[in-house]
Amino acid sequence: MESLLAILIGGLFAAAVYMLLRRSIIKLIIGLILISHACNLLIFTIGGVIRGKAPLIEEGEKQITGIVADPLPQALILTAIVIGFGVIAFTIVLLEQVYKTTGINDTDDLVNSDK
């Protein structure tokens, strides 16, 4: 299972880098979204993919017994999803304003324009 996730994460990172290196502003946003998802899957995979019960201490016990799921990667991913959504929303608004101001969708033309 973890080797399949590693291949998927590698594919997502490769697609994200490819999209980030494209010239279109829309493809840049798609690349940011893909790299965000790839990072979330990487954190999830590093935490370990184990089927187990919720990490709760039963009544009357002093510690957890048995196999339980690790809640830390899940909390980190939830935080990363919220931060990633904010960054992507900001990027979309920023690039929309750039397009409205310059009328250019190509990043190479944007760098070389005199506007």
N, C-alpha and C. Protein backbone atom coordinates (compact mmCIF):
# COMPACT_ATOMS: atom_id res chain seq x y z
N MET A 1 0.82 -1.20 0.00
CA MET A 1 0.00 0.00 0.00
C MET A 1 0.86 1.26 0.00
N GLU A 2 1.92 1.23 0.81
CA GLU A 2 2.77 2.41 0.89
C GLU A 2 3.58 2.61 -0.38
N SER A 3 3.95 1.53 -1.06
CA SER A 3 4.68 1.68 -2.33
C SER A 3 3.77 2.26 -3.41
N LEU A 4 2.49 1.88 -3.39
CA LEU A 4 1.53 2.46 -4.33
C LEU A 4 1.34 3.95 -4.06
N LEU A 5 1.26 4.32 -2.78
CA LEU A 5 1.15 5.74 -2.44
C LEU A 5 2.41 6.51 -2.82
N ALA A 6 3.58 5.87 -2.69
CA ALA A 6 4.83 6.53 -3.08
C ALA A 6 4.86 6.81 -4.58
N ILE A 7 4.38 5.86 -5.37
CA ILE A 7 4.31 6.07 -6.82
C ILE A 7 3.33 7.18 -7.15
N LEU A 8 2.18 7.19 -6.48
CA LEU A 8 1.19 8.24 -6.69
C LEU A 8 1.73 9.62 -6.31
N ILE A 9 2.42 9.69 -5.19
CA ILE A 9 3.00 10.96 -4.74
C ILE A 9 4.06 11.44 -5.73
N GLY A 10 4.89 10.53 -6.21
CA GLY A 10 5.90 10.89 -7.21
C GLY A 10 5.26 11.40 -8.49
N GLY A 11 4.19 10.75 -8.91
CA GLY A 11 3.48 11.21 -10.11
C GLY A 11 2.85 12.58 -9.92
N LEU A 12 2.28 12.81 -8.73
CA LEU A 12 1.69 14.12 -8.45
C LEU A 12 2.76 15.22 -8.42
N PHE A 13 3.90 14.92 -7.79
CA PHE A 13 4.98 15.92 -7.76
C PHE A 13 5.50 16.20 -9.16
N ALA A 14 5.64 15.15 -9.98
CA ALA A 14 6.13 15.34 -11.35
C ALA A 14 5.14 16.18 -12.16
N ALA A 15 3.86 15.86 -12.04
CA ALA A 15 2.85 16.64 -12.76
C ALA A 15 2.82 18.08 -12.26
N ALA A 16 3.00 18.27 -10.96
CA ALA A 16 2.98 19.62 -10.39
C ALA A 16 4.16 20.45 -10.90
N VAL A 17 5.34 19.85 -10.90
CA VAL A 17 6.51 20.58 -11.39
C VAL A 17 6.35 20.90 -12.88
N TYR A 18 5.83 19.95 -13.64
CA TYR A 18 5.59 20.19 -15.07
C TYR A 18 4.62 21.36 -15.27
N MET A 19 3.55 21.38 -14.49
CA MET A 19 2.57 22.46 -14.62
C MET A 19 3.14 23.80 -14.15
N LEU A 20 3.96 23.78 -13.12
CA LEU A 20 4.56 25.02 -12.64
C LEU A 20 5.53 25.62 -13.65
N LEU A 21 6.14 24.78 -14.47
CA LEU A 21 7.09 25.27 -15.46
C LEU A 21 6.45 25.67 -16.78
N ARG A 22 5.16 25.49 -16.91
CA ARG A 22 4.45 25.91 -18.12
C ARG A 22 4.31 27.42 -18.15
N ARG A 23 3.93 27.96 -19.29
CA ARG A 23 3.90 29.41 -19.46
C ARG A 23 2.56 30.04 -19.09
N SER A 24 1.52 29.28 -18.98
CA SER A 24 0.19 29.83 -18.72
C SER A 24 -0.02 30.07 -17.23
N ILE A 25 -0.73 31.12 -16.90
CA ILE A 25 -1.02 31.43 -15.50
C ILE A 25 -1.98 30.39 -14.92
N ILE A 26 -2.94 29.91 -15.71
CA ILE A 26 -3.89 28.91 -15.23
C ILE A 26 -3.16 27.61 -14.89
N LYS A 27 -2.19 27.23 -15.70
CA LYS A 27 -1.42 26.01 -15.43
C LYS A 27 -0.56 26.17 -14.18
N LEU A 28 -0.15 27.39 -13.89
CA LEU A 28 0.59 27.67 -12.66
C LEU A 28 -0.29 27.40 -11.44
N ILE A 29 -1.53 27.81 -11.51
CA ILE A 29 -2.46 27.57 -10.39
C ILE A 29 -2.73 26.08 -10.23
N ILE A 30 -2.91 25.37 -11.34
CA ILE A 30 -3.13 23.93 -11.27
C ILE A 30 -1.91 23.23 -10.68
N GLY A 31 -0.71 23.70 -11.03
CA GLY A 31 0.51 23.13 -10.46
C GLY A 31 0.59 23.35 -8.96
N LEU A 32 0.17 24.52 -8.48
CA LEU A 32 0.15 24.77 -7.03
C LEU A 32 -0.83 23.84 -6.32
N ILE A 33 -1.98 23.61 -6.95
CA ILE A 33 -2.97 22.72 -6.35
C ILE A 33 -2.43 21.29 -6.29
N LEU A 34 -1.79 20.84 -7.37
CA LEU A 34 -1.24 19.48 -7.39
C LEU A 34 -0.12 19.30 -6.37
N ILE A 35 0.74 20.30 -6.25
CA ILE A 35 1.84 20.17 -5.28
C ILE A 35 1.32 20.20 -3.85
N SER A 36 0.24 20.92 -3.62
CA SER A 36 -0.39 20.92 -2.31
C SER A 36 -0.94 19.54 -1.96
N HIS A 37 -1.62 18.92 -2.92
CA HIS A 37 -2.15 17.58 -2.68
C HIS A 37 -1.04 16.55 -2.51
N ALA A 38 0.03 16.70 -3.27
CA ALA A 38 1.15 15.77 -3.15
C ALA A 38 1.81 15.87 -1.77
N CYS A 39 1.95 17.08 -1.28
CA CYS A 39 2.54 17.27 0.06
C CYS A 39 1.64 16.67 1.14
N ASN A 40 0.33 16.83 1.00
CA ASN A 40 -0.59 16.26 1.97
C ASN A 40 -0.50 14.73 1.98
N LEU A 41 -0.45 14.13 0.80
CA LEU A 41 -0.31 12.67 0.74
C LEU A 41 1.03 12.21 1.29
N LEU A 42 2.08 13.01 1.09
CA LEU A 42 3.39 12.66 1.63
C LEU A 42 3.38 12.66 3.15
N ILE A 43 2.77 13.67 3.75
CA ILE A 43 2.67 13.72 5.21
C ILE A 43 1.86 12.52 5.72
N PHE A 44 0.78 12.21 5.02
CA PHE A 44 -0.06 11.08 5.42
C PHE A 44 0.71 9.77 5.34
N THR A 45 1.50 9.58 4.29
CA THR A 45 2.24 8.34 4.12
C THR A 45 3.39 8.23 5.12
N ILE A 46 4.05 9.34 5.41
CA ILE A 46 5.14 9.31 6.38
C ILE A 46 4.62 8.91 7.77
N GLY A 47 3.40 9.35 8.08
CA GLY A 47 2.80 9.00 9.37
C GLY A 47 2.50 7.52 9.52
N GLY A 48 2.48 6.80 8.43
CA GLY A 48 2.20 5.37 8.47
C GLY A 48 0.75 5.08 8.18
N VAL A 49 0.55 4.15 7.27
CA VAL A 49 -0.81 3.77 6.90
C VAL A 49 -1.14 2.49 7.66
N ILE A 50 -1.82 2.66 8.78
CA ILE A 50 -2.17 1.53 9.64
C ILE A 50 -3.67 1.57 9.90
N ARG A 51 -4.30 0.43 9.69
CA ARG A 51 -5.71 0.36 10.06
C ARG A 51 -5.79 0.04 11.55
N GLY A 52 -6.41 0.91 12.26
CA GLY A 52 -6.55 0.70 13.69
C GLY A 52 -7.72 1.50 14.21
N LYS A 53 -7.98 1.34 15.48
CA LYS A 53 -9.09 2.07 16.07
C LYS A 53 -8.66 3.48 16.43
N ALA A 54 -9.61 4.28 16.84
CA ALA A 54 -9.32 5.66 17.22
C ALA A 54 -8.42 5.68 18.45
N PRO A 55 -7.51 6.64 18.54
CA PRO A 55 -6.57 6.70 19.66
C PRO A 55 -7.21 7.26 20.93
N LEU A 56 -8.11 6.52 21.49
CA LEU A 56 -8.79 6.94 22.72
C LEU A 56 -8.43 5.98 23.85
N ILE A 57 -8.28 6.54 25.04
CA ILE A 57 -7.98 5.72 26.22
C ILE A 57 -9.30 5.26 26.80
N GLU A 58 -9.42 3.96 26.95
CA GLU A 58 -10.65 3.39 27.50
C GLU A 58 -10.81 3.81 28.96
N GLU A 59 -12.04 3.80 29.42
CA GLU A 59 -12.32 4.19 30.79
C GLU A 59 -11.71 3.19 31.76
N GLY A 60 -10.98 3.71 32.73
CA GLY A 60 -10.35 2.87 33.73
C GLY A 60 -8.92 2.49 33.38
N GLU A 61 -8.45 2.77 32.18
CA GLU A 61 -7.08 2.44 31.79
C GLU A 61 -6.19 3.68 31.87
N LYS A 62 -4.89 3.44 31.97
CA LYS A 62 -3.95 4.55 32.06
C LYS A 62 -3.21 4.82 30.76
N GLN A 63 -3.26 3.88 29.83
CA GLN A 63 -2.60 4.08 28.55
C GLN A 63 -3.35 3.34 27.45
N ILE A 64 -3.00 3.68 26.22
CA ILE A 64 -3.66 3.06 25.07
C ILE A 64 -3.10 1.66 24.87
N THR A 65 -3.98 0.71 24.64
CA THR A 65 -3.55 -0.66 24.36
C THR A 65 -4.00 -1.04 22.96
N GLY A 66 -3.20 -1.80 22.28
CA GLY A 66 -3.56 -2.26 20.94
C GLY A 66 -3.07 -1.31 19.86
N ILE A 67 -3.42 -1.63 18.64
CA ILE A 67 -3.01 -0.83 17.48
C ILE A 67 -4.01 0.30 17.28
N VAL A 68 -3.48 1.53 17.23
CA VAL A 68 -4.34 2.71 17.04
C VAL A 68 -3.77 3.56 15.91
N ALA A 69 -4.62 4.37 15.32
CA ALA A 69 -4.19 5.29 14.28
C ALA A 69 -3.49 6.49 14.92
N ASP A 70 -2.46 7.00 14.24
CA ASP A 70 -1.71 8.15 14.75
C ASP A 70 -2.46 9.43 14.36
N PRO A 71 -2.90 10.24 15.33
CA PRO A 71 -3.68 11.44 15.00
C PRO A 71 -2.83 12.62 14.54
N LEU A 72 -1.53 12.62 14.78
CA LEU A 72 -0.70 13.77 14.44
C LEU A 72 -0.63 14.04 12.94
N PRO A 73 -0.37 13.04 12.08
CA PRO A 73 -0.38 13.35 10.64
C PRO A 73 -1.73 13.85 10.15
N GLN A 74 -2.80 13.35 10.72
CA GLN A 74 -4.13 13.81 10.32
C GLN A 74 -4.33 15.28 10.69
N ALA A 75 -3.86 15.67 11.86
CA ALA A 75 -3.96 17.07 12.27
C ALA A 75 -3.08 17.97 11.40
N LEU A 76 -1.88 17.49 11.06
CA LEU A 76 -1.00 18.26 10.19
C LEU A 76 -1.60 18.44 8.80
N ILE A 77 -2.21 17.38 8.27
CA ILE A 77 -2.83 17.46 6.95
C ILE A 77 -4.01 18.42 6.97
N LEU A 78 -4.80 18.38 8.01
CA LEU A 78 -5.94 19.29 8.11
C LEU A 78 -5.46 20.74 8.12
N THR A 79 -4.40 21.01 8.86
CA THR A 79 -3.83 22.35 8.89
C THR A 79 -3.28 22.74 7.52
N ALA A 80 -2.60 21.79 6.86
CA ALA A 80 -2.02 22.07 5.54
C ALA A 80 -3.11 22.31 4.51
N ILE A 81 -4.24 21.64 4.61
CA ILE A 81 -5.34 21.86 3.68
C ILE A 81 -5.87 23.29 3.82
N VAL A 82 -6.04 23.74 5.04
CA VAL A 82 -6.55 25.10 5.27
C VAL A 82 -5.55 26.14 4.78
N ILE A 83 -4.28 25.97 5.09
CA ILE A 83 -3.26 26.91 4.64
C ILE A 83 -3.14 26.88 3.12
N GLY A 84 -3.16 25.69 2.53
CA GLY A 84 -3.08 25.56 1.08
C GLY A 84 -4.26 26.23 0.38
N PHE A 85 -5.45 26.09 0.95
CA PHE A 85 -6.62 26.74 0.37
C PHE A 85 -6.46 28.25 0.39
N GLY A 86 -5.95 28.79 1.49
CA GLY A 86 -5.73 30.24 1.58
C GLY A 86 -4.70 30.72 0.57
N VAL A 87 -3.60 29.98 0.42
CA VAL A 87 -2.56 30.36 -0.52
C VAL A 87 -3.07 30.30 -1.96
N ILE A 88 -3.82 29.26 -2.28
CA ILE A 88 -4.34 29.11 -3.64
C ILE A 88 -5.38 30.20 -3.93
N ALA A 89 -6.24 30.52 -2.97
CA ALA A 89 -7.22 31.58 -3.17
C ALA A 89 -6.53 32.92 -3.37
N PHE A 90 -5.49 33.20 -2.58
CA PHE A 90 -4.73 34.43 -2.75
C PHE A 90 -4.06 34.48 -4.11
N THR A 91 -3.48 33.36 -4.54
CA THR A 91 -2.81 33.30 -5.84
C THR A 91 -3.78 33.53 -6.98
N ILE A 92 -4.97 32.94 -6.89
CA ILE A 92 -5.97 33.12 -7.94
C ILE A 92 -6.37 34.60 -8.04
N VAL A 93 -6.61 35.23 -6.91
CA VAL A 93 -7.00 36.64 -6.93
C VAL A 93 -5.86 37.51 -7.45
N LEU A 94 -4.65 37.23 -7.01
CA LEU A 94 -3.49 38.01 -7.46
C LEU A 94 -3.28 37.88 -8.96
N LEU A 95 -3.34 36.65 -9.48
CA LEU A 95 -3.12 36.45 -10.91
C LEU A 95 -4.28 36.98 -11.75
N GLU A 96 -5.49 36.97 -11.18
CA GLU A 96 -6.62 37.58 -11.89
C GLU A 96 -6.41 39.09 -12.04
N GLN A 97 -5.91 39.73 -10.99
CA GLN A 97 -5.64 41.17 -11.06
C GLN A 97 -4.51 41.47 -12.05
N VAL A 98 -3.51 40.60 -12.08
CA VAL A 98 -2.41 40.79 -13.05
C VAL A 98 -2.95 40.69 -14.46
N TYR A 99 -3.83 39.71 -14.70
CA TYR A 99 -4.40 39.54 -16.03
C TYR A 99 -5.30 40.72 -16.42
N LYS A 100 -6.08 41.22 -15.44
CA LYS A 100 -6.94 42.37 -15.73
C LYS A 100 -6.11 43.62 -16.03
N THR A 101 -4.99 43.77 -15.33
CA THR A 101 -4.16 44.95 -15.51
C THR A 101 -3.37 44.90 -16.82
N THR A 102 -2.77 43.76 -17.11
CA THR A 102 -1.89 43.66 -18.28
C THR A 102 -2.55 43.03 -19.48
N GLY A 103 -3.54 42.17 -19.27
CA GLY A 103 -4.17 41.46 -20.37
C GLY A 103 -3.31 40.34 -20.93
N ILE A 104 -2.31 39.92 -20.18
CA ILE A 104 -1.37 38.90 -20.63
C ILE A 104 -1.55 37.64 -19.78
N ASN A 105 -1.65 36.49 -20.44
CA ASN A 105 -1.79 35.20 -19.77
C ASN A 105 -0.48 34.42 -19.76
N ASP A 106 0.45 34.80 -20.60
CA ASP A 106 1.73 34.10 -20.74
C ASP A 106 2.75 34.70 -19.77
N THR A 107 3.38 33.86 -18.97
CA THR A 107 4.31 34.38 -17.97
C THR A 107 5.58 34.94 -18.60
N ASP A 108 6.03 34.38 -19.73
CA ASP A 108 7.21 34.93 -20.40
C ASP A 108 6.92 36.32 -20.96
N ASP A 109 5.75 36.49 -21.55
CA ASP A 109 5.38 37.81 -22.06
C ASP A 109 5.16 38.80 -20.92
N LEU A 110 4.73 38.30 -19.76
CA LEU A 110 4.52 39.17 -18.60
C LEU A 110 5.83 39.75 -18.10
N VAL A 111 6.89 38.94 -18.12
CA VAL A 111 8.21 39.40 -17.67
C VAL A 111 8.79 40.39 -18.68
N ASN A 112 8.57 40.16 -19.96
CA ASN A 112 9.16 40.99 -21.00
C ASN A 112 8.31 42.18 -21.40
N SER A 113 7.12 42.34 -20.80
CA SER A 113 6.24 43.45 -21.21
C SER A 113 6.71 44.75 -20.57
N ASP A 114 6.35 45.85 -21.20
CA ASP A 114 6.74 47.17 -20.70
C ASP A 114 5.58 47.87 -19.99
N LYS A 115 4.51 47.20 -19.71
CA LYS A 115 3.34 47.83 -19.06
C LYS A 115 3.58 48.04 -17.60
